[in-house]
Protein backbone atom coordinates (compact mmCIF):
# COMPACT_ATOMS: atom_id res chain seq x y z
CA MET A 1 0.05 -0.36 0.24
CA LYS A 2 1.44 3.59 -0.62
CA SER A 3 2.00 5.93 2.09
CA PRO A 4 -0.77 8.14 2.96
CA ARG A 5 0.97 10.98 1.53
CA GLU A 6 1.51 10.19 -1.45
CA PHE A 7 -2.20 10.33 -2.10
CA TRP A 8 -1.91 14.10 -0.76
CA PRO A 9 -1.98 16.28 -3.97
CA ARG A 10 -4.85 14.61 -5.01
CA TRP A 11 -6.84 15.53 -2.82
CA ALA A 12 -5.46 18.92 -2.61
CA GLU A 13 -6.51 19.12 -5.83
CA SER A 14 -10.12 17.73 -5.30
CA LEU A 15 -10.21 20.12 -2.31
CA ARG A 16 -9.40 23.45 -4.33
CA ARG A 17 -11.66 22.24 -7.02
CA TYR A 18 -14.76 22.36 -5.27
CA GLN A 19 -12.64 25.61 -3.20
CA LEU A 20 -12.96 23.09 0.50
CA HIS A 21 -9.12 23.75 1.26
CA ASN A 22 -9.10 26.03 3.14
CA LEU A 23 -12.07 24.67 5.60
CA VAL A 24 -10.45 21.54 5.53
CA ALA A 25 -6.92 22.75 6.93
CA SER A 26 -9.12 24.71 9.67
CA PHE A 27 -10.54 21.57 10.71
CA LEU A 28 -7.76 19.61 10.69
CA GLU A 29 -5.63 22.57 12.37
CA ALA A 30 -7.74 22.44 15.17
CA GLY A 31 -6.99 18.63 16.07
CA SER A 32 -10.67 17.71 16.74
CA PRO A 33 -11.90 14.86 18.09
CA LEU A 34 -13.80 14.70 15.31
CA ALA A 35 -10.95 13.90 12.95
CA LEU A 36 -10.73 10.51 15.18
CA LEU A 37 -14.03 9.50 14.61
CA GLY A 38 -13.82 10.18 11.29
CA ALA A 39 -11.02 8.16 11.26
CA GLN A 40 -12.59 5.05 12.91
CA ALA A 41 -15.85 5.03 10.81
CA ILE A 42 -13.45 4.98 8.09
CA TYR A 43 -11.85 2.12 9.52
CA PHE A 44 -15.62 0.50 10.37
CA SER A 45 -16.67 0.94 6.88
CA GLY A 46 -13.59 -0.99 5.02
CA GLY A 47 -15.58 -4.16 5.70
CA PHE A 48 -18.29 -2.60 2.61
CA VAL A 49 -15.86 -0.48 0.92
CA LYS A 50 -11.74 -1.85 0.22
CA SER A 51 -10.04 1.34 -1.02
CA ASP A 52 -6.52 1.94 -0.61
CA GLN A 53 -7.03 5.92 -0.48
CA LEU A 54 -9.59 5.52 2.27
CA ILE A 55 -7.25 3.32 4.51
CA ALA A 56 -4.32 6.45 3.87
CA LEU A 57 -7.01 9.09 4.46
CA ALA A 58 -8.18 7.39 7.73
CA GLU A 59 -4.15 6.79 9.18
CA THR A 60 -4.06 10.93 8.15
CA LEU A 61 -6.93 11.68 10.39
CA GLU A 62 -6.10 9.42 13.12
CA GLU A 63 -2.35 10.84 13.50
CA GLU A 64 -3.07 14.84 14.74
CA THR A 65 1.05 15.47 13.43
CA GLU A 66 0.20 14.39 10.16
CA ALA A 67 -3.40 15.48 9.96
CA ARG A 68 -1.56 19.22 10.60
CA ALA A 69 0.73 18.33 8.11
CA PHE A 70 -1.62 17.63 5.18
CA ALA A 71 -3.44 20.96 6.65
CA PHE A 72 0.28 22.44 6.24
CA PHE A 73 0.30 21.05 2.76
CA LEU A 74 -3.01 22.00 1.82
CA GLU A 75 -2.22 25.90 2.69
CA HIS A 76 1.56 25.70 1.17
CA GLU A 77 2.93 23.87 -0.67
CA GLY A 78 -0.29 22.66 -3.16
CA ALA A 79 -1.00 26.83 -3.05
CA GLY A 80 0.55 27.22 -5.91
CA GLN A 81 -0.71 24.71 -8.22
């Protein structure tokens, strides 16, 4: 399986297309417990839908440092794209 960070550019592109990148970045930076609950919901749904991207998203949401790193990526790294 790919590293979750390998999916970040694709996720960032999709979020920018729908102009949700700032909202998602703010949510992730807050370190909300909802992110952990979201990760658990994704793991639970894994019994119904198998997807490397969903597992990578759950792993990103589960780790606070990774969630904040993705928020930084959304705000800075992909801003020029």
